[in-house]
N, C-alpha and C. Protein backbone atom coordinates (compact mmCIF):
# COMPACT_ATOMS: atom_id res chain seq x y z
N UNK A 1 -90.06 191.21 164.71
CA UNK A 1 -89.83 192.64 164.67
C UNK A 1 -90.54 193.28 163.48
N UNK A 2 -90.60 192.56 162.38
CA UNK A 2 -91.21 193.13 161.18
C UNK A 2 -92.68 193.47 161.40
N UNK A 3 -93.40 192.61 162.10
CA UNK A 3 -94.82 192.88 162.36
C UNK A 3 -94.98 194.10 163.27
N UNK A 4 -94.10 194.23 164.25
CA UNK A 4 -94.16 195.38 165.15
C UNK A 4 -93.88 196.67 164.38
N UNK A 5 -92.89 196.64 163.50
CA UNK A 5 -92.56 197.81 162.69
C UNK A 5 -93.72 198.18 161.78
N UNK A 6 -94.34 197.19 161.15
CA UNK A 6 -95.49 197.45 160.29
C UNK A 6 -96.64 198.07 161.08
N UNK A 7 -96.84 197.59 162.31
CA UNK A 7 -97.91 198.12 163.16
C UNK A 7 -97.65 199.59 163.49
N UNK A 8 -96.43 199.92 163.85
CA UNK A 8 -96.07 201.30 164.18
C UNK A 8 -96.26 202.21 162.97
N UNK A 9 -95.83 201.76 161.81
CA UNK A 9 -95.96 202.57 160.59
C UNK A 9 -97.43 202.78 160.25
N UNK A 10 -98.24 201.75 160.40
CA UNK A 10 -99.68 201.90 160.13
C UNK A 10 -100.30 202.92 161.08
N UNK A 11 -99.90 202.91 162.35
CA UNK A 11 -100.41 203.89 163.32
C UNK A 11 -100.00 205.30 162.93
N UNK A 12 -98.75 205.47 162.51
CA UNK A 12 -98.27 206.78 162.09
C UNK A 12 -99.06 207.27 160.87
N UNK A 13 -99.31 206.38 159.93
CA UNK A 13 -100.02 206.76 158.71
C UNK A 13 -101.47 207.18 158.99
N UNK A 14 -102.04 206.77 160.12
CA UNK A 14 -103.39 207.17 160.49
C UNK A 14 -103.46 208.58 161.08
N UNK A 15 -102.30 209.15 161.40
CA UNK A 15 -102.23 210.49 161.96
C UNK A 15 -102.67 211.51 160.90
N UNK A 16 -103.50 212.49 161.27
CA UNK A 16 -103.94 213.48 160.29
C UNK A 16 -102.76 214.20 159.63
N UNK A 17 -102.88 214.45 158.35
CA UNK A 17 -101.90 215.16 157.52
C UNK A 17 -100.64 214.36 157.19
N UNK A 18 -100.47 213.17 157.75
CA UNK A 18 -99.31 212.34 157.41
C UNK A 18 -99.62 211.60 156.12
N UNK A 19 -98.70 211.71 155.15
CA UNK A 19 -98.93 211.01 153.88
C UNK A 19 -97.76 210.09 153.50
N UNK A 20 -96.77 209.96 154.40
CA UNK A 20 -95.67 209.05 154.14
C UNK A 20 -94.84 208.80 155.38
N UNK A 21 -94.20 207.63 155.41
CA UNK A 21 -93.37 207.25 156.56
C UNK A 21 -92.28 206.32 156.06
N UNK A 22 -91.07 206.51 156.56
CA UNK A 22 -89.93 205.68 156.17
C UNK A 22 -89.09 205.37 157.40
N UNK A 23 -88.57 204.14 157.46
CA UNK A 23 -87.67 203.72 158.55
C UNK A 23 -86.46 203.07 157.89
N UNK A 24 -85.26 203.47 158.35
CA UNK A 24 -84.02 202.93 157.78
C UNK A 24 -83.03 202.58 158.89
N UNK A 25 -82.12 201.67 158.58
CA UNK A 25 -81.07 201.32 159.55
C UNK A 25 -79.91 202.31 159.44
N UNK A 26 -78.88 202.12 160.26
CA UNK A 26 -77.77 203.06 160.33
C UNK A 26 -76.93 203.13 159.05
N UNK A 27 -77.09 202.15 158.17
CA UNK A 27 -76.35 202.15 156.90
C UNK A 27 -77.17 202.72 155.75
N UNK A 28 -78.39 203.16 156.04
CA UNK A 28 -79.24 203.73 155.00
C UNK A 28 -80.11 202.71 154.28
N UNK A 29 -80.16 201.49 154.80
CA UNK A 29 -81.01 200.46 154.20
C UNK A 29 -82.45 200.69 154.64
N UNK A 30 -83.35 200.81 153.70
CA UNK A 30 -84.76 201.03 154.01
C UNK A 30 -85.35 199.76 154.61
N UNK A 31 -85.92 199.89 155.82
CA UNK A 31 -86.56 198.77 156.49
C UNK A 31 -88.05 198.73 156.19
N UNK A 32 -88.63 199.92 155.96
CA UNK A 32 -90.05 200.02 155.64
C UNK A 32 -90.33 201.40 155.07
N UNK A 33 -91.28 201.45 154.15
CA UNK A 33 -91.72 202.73 153.58
C UNK A 33 -93.19 202.62 153.18
N UNK A 34 -93.95 203.64 153.48
CA UNK A 34 -95.38 203.68 153.15
C UNK A 34 -95.74 205.05 152.62
N UNK A 35 -96.79 205.10 151.84
CA UNK A 35 -97.30 206.37 151.33
C UNK A 35 -96.34 207.02 150.37
N UNK A 36 -96.14 208.33 150.52
CA UNK A 36 -95.30 209.10 149.60
C UNK A 36 -93.81 208.92 149.85
N UNK A 37 -93.44 208.25 150.92
CA UNK A 37 -92.02 208.02 151.22
C UNK A 37 -91.46 207.05 150.18
N UNK A 38 -90.32 207.41 149.60
CA UNK A 38 -89.71 206.57 148.57
C UNK A 38 -88.50 205.85 149.14
N UNK A 39 -88.39 204.58 148.85
CA UNK A 39 -87.31 203.72 149.34
C UNK A 39 -85.94 204.33 149.02
N UNK A 40 -85.80 204.95 147.86
CA UNK A 40 -84.51 205.51 147.44
C UNK A 40 -84.04 206.68 148.30
N UNK A 41 -84.93 207.27 149.09
CA UNK A 41 -84.53 208.41 149.93
C UNK A 41 -83.96 207.98 151.28
N UNK A 42 -83.95 206.69 151.59
CA UNK A 42 -83.49 206.21 152.89
C UNK A 42 -82.06 206.63 153.19
N UNK A 43 -81.16 206.49 152.25
CA UNK A 43 -79.75 206.83 152.48
C UNK A 43 -79.55 208.30 152.80
N UNK A 44 -80.18 209.18 152.06
CA UNK A 44 -80.02 210.62 152.30
C UNK A 44 -80.67 211.03 153.63
N UNK A 45 -81.77 210.39 153.98
CA UNK A 45 -82.42 210.69 155.27
C UNK A 45 -81.51 210.32 156.42
N UNK A 46 -80.87 209.16 156.35
CA UNK A 46 -79.93 208.75 157.39
C UNK A 46 -78.73 209.70 157.43
N UNK A 47 -78.22 210.09 156.26
CA UNK A 47 -77.07 211.01 156.20
C UNK A 47 -77.41 212.37 156.82
N UNK A 48 -78.60 212.88 156.56
CA UNK A 48 -79.02 214.16 157.15
C UNK A 48 -79.06 214.04 158.67
N UNK A 49 -79.62 212.95 159.15
CA UNK A 49 -79.70 212.73 160.59
C UNK A 49 -78.30 212.63 161.22
N UNK A 50 -77.40 211.91 160.57
CA UNK A 50 -76.03 211.78 161.09
C UNK A 50 -75.33 213.14 161.16
N UNK A 51 -75.49 213.95 160.14
CA UNK A 51 -74.85 215.27 160.13
C UNK A 51 -75.44 216.16 161.23
N UNK A 52 -76.75 216.10 161.42
CA UNK A 52 -77.39 216.90 162.48
C UNK A 52 -76.90 216.47 163.86
N UNK A 53 -76.63 215.19 164.04
CA UNK A 53 -76.14 214.69 165.33
C UNK A 53 -74.75 215.23 165.66
N UNK A 54 -73.99 215.60 164.65
CA UNK A 54 -72.64 216.13 164.88
C UNK A 54 -72.64 217.54 165.45
N UNK A 55 -73.75 218.25 165.36
CA UNK A 55 -73.83 219.61 165.87
C UNK A 55 -73.64 219.63 167.38
N UNK A 56 -74.32 218.74 168.09
CA UNK A 56 -74.16 218.61 169.54
C UNK A 56 -74.12 217.13 169.87
N UNK A 57 -72.94 216.51 169.72
CA UNK A 57 -72.84 215.06 169.84
C UNK A 57 -73.13 214.48 171.22
N UNK A 58 -73.10 215.27 172.26
CA UNK A 58 -73.32 214.74 173.61
C UNK A 58 -74.77 214.78 174.04
N UNK A 59 -75.64 215.30 173.17
CA UNK A 59 -77.07 215.37 173.48
C UNK A 59 -77.83 214.32 172.69
N UNK A 60 -79.11 214.16 173.02
CA UNK A 60 -79.90 213.19 172.25
C UNK A 60 -80.03 213.69 170.81
N UNK A 61 -80.20 212.78 169.86
CA UNK A 61 -80.27 213.19 168.45
C UNK A 61 -81.39 214.20 168.21
N UNK A 62 -81.11 215.23 167.42
CA UNK A 62 -82.14 216.24 167.16
C UNK A 62 -83.18 215.75 166.15
N UNK A 63 -84.32 216.39 166.16
CA UNK A 63 -85.32 216.18 165.12
C UNK A 63 -85.05 217.21 164.04
N UNK A 64 -84.92 216.76 162.80
CA UNK A 64 -84.67 217.64 161.67
C UNK A 64 -85.99 217.85 160.95
N UNK A 65 -86.31 219.10 160.63
CA UNK A 65 -87.53 219.42 159.91
C UNK A 65 -87.17 220.12 158.61
N UNK A 66 -87.49 219.48 157.49
CA UNK A 66 -87.32 220.08 156.18
C UNK A 66 -88.69 220.54 155.71
N UNK A 67 -88.80 221.79 155.24
CA UNK A 67 -90.10 222.34 154.89
C UNK A 67 -90.13 222.98 153.52
N UNK A 68 -91.28 222.87 152.88
CA UNK A 68 -91.60 223.68 151.71
C UNK A 68 -92.90 224.41 152.06
N UNK A 69 -93.46 225.12 151.11
CA UNK A 69 -94.72 225.81 151.38
C UNK A 69 -95.86 224.86 151.73
N UNK A 70 -95.81 223.65 151.18
CA UNK A 70 -96.93 222.73 151.33
C UNK A 70 -96.62 221.45 152.09
N UNK A 71 -95.34 221.13 152.27
CA UNK A 71 -94.98 219.84 152.89
C UNK A 71 -93.91 219.98 153.96
N UNK A 72 -93.83 218.97 154.82
CA UNK A 72 -92.80 218.86 155.84
C UNK A 72 -92.24 217.43 155.83
N UNK A 73 -90.96 217.33 156.14
CA UNK A 73 -90.34 216.02 156.36
C UNK A 73 -89.64 216.11 157.71
N UNK A 74 -90.10 215.30 158.66
CA UNK A 74 -89.52 215.26 160.00
C UNK A 74 -88.64 214.02 160.11
N UNK A 75 -87.38 214.22 160.50
CA UNK A 75 -86.42 213.12 160.58
C UNK A 75 -85.94 213.00 162.03
N UNK A 76 -85.99 211.78 162.56
CA UNK A 76 -85.56 211.54 163.94
C UNK A 76 -84.80 210.23 164.01
N UNK A 77 -83.70 210.25 164.72
CA UNK A 77 -82.88 209.05 164.91
C UNK A 77 -83.10 208.53 166.32
N UNK A 78 -83.17 207.21 166.44
CA UNK A 78 -83.29 206.57 167.75
C UNK A 78 -82.38 205.35 167.74
N UNK A 79 -81.25 205.46 168.40
CA UNK A 79 -80.27 204.37 168.37
C UNK A 79 -79.71 204.22 166.97
N UNK A 80 -79.86 203.03 166.39
CA UNK A 80 -79.35 202.78 165.04
C UNK A 80 -80.45 202.90 163.98
N UNK A 81 -81.64 203.28 164.39
CA UNK A 81 -82.78 203.39 163.47
C UNK A 81 -83.13 204.86 163.26
N UNK A 82 -83.38 205.22 162.00
CA UNK A 82 -83.79 206.58 161.66
C UNK A 82 -85.15 206.51 161.00
N UNK A 83 -86.03 207.41 161.42
CA UNK A 83 -87.36 207.47 160.84
C UNK A 83 -87.64 208.83 160.22
N UNK A 84 -88.47 208.85 159.20
CA UNK A 84 -88.88 210.09 158.57
C UNK A 84 -90.40 210.04 158.38
N UNK A 85 -91.04 211.16 158.70
CA UNK A 85 -92.48 211.30 158.52
C UNK A 85 -92.71 212.45 157.54
N UNK A 86 -93.49 212.18 156.53
CA UNK A 86 -93.82 213.17 155.52
C UNK A 86 -95.25 213.66 155.75
N UNK A 87 -95.40 214.99 155.84
CA UNK A 87 -96.69 215.57 156.18
C UNK A 87 -97.08 216.66 155.20
N UNK A 88 -98.38 216.83 155.02
CA UNK A 88 -98.93 218.00 154.33
C UNK A 88 -99.08 219.08 155.38
N UNK A 89 -98.69 220.31 155.04
CA UNK A 89 -98.89 221.40 155.99
C UNK A 89 -100.33 221.84 155.95
N UNK A 90 -100.87 222.10 157.11
CA UNK A 90 -102.28 222.51 157.21
C UNK A 90 -102.47 223.96 156.82
């Protein structure tokens, strides 16, 4: 599984404007981080995703977008795994 996860993260990092990627388990344990994504942010990313899921619990998990003038952080949960992609805004 680790090789597959590394392959997916490498593919994501090749996407234009992406400068970081993080994947964590349901307890906030960082499974992988590349680029500007910091391992210490895994817990808060999972917590944000869990809170967003409570808004409409019977639907698929929402994508959360945190933005500043220059950057975006996209957070998506899939089963017990949560991912975050960090991007520069064009």
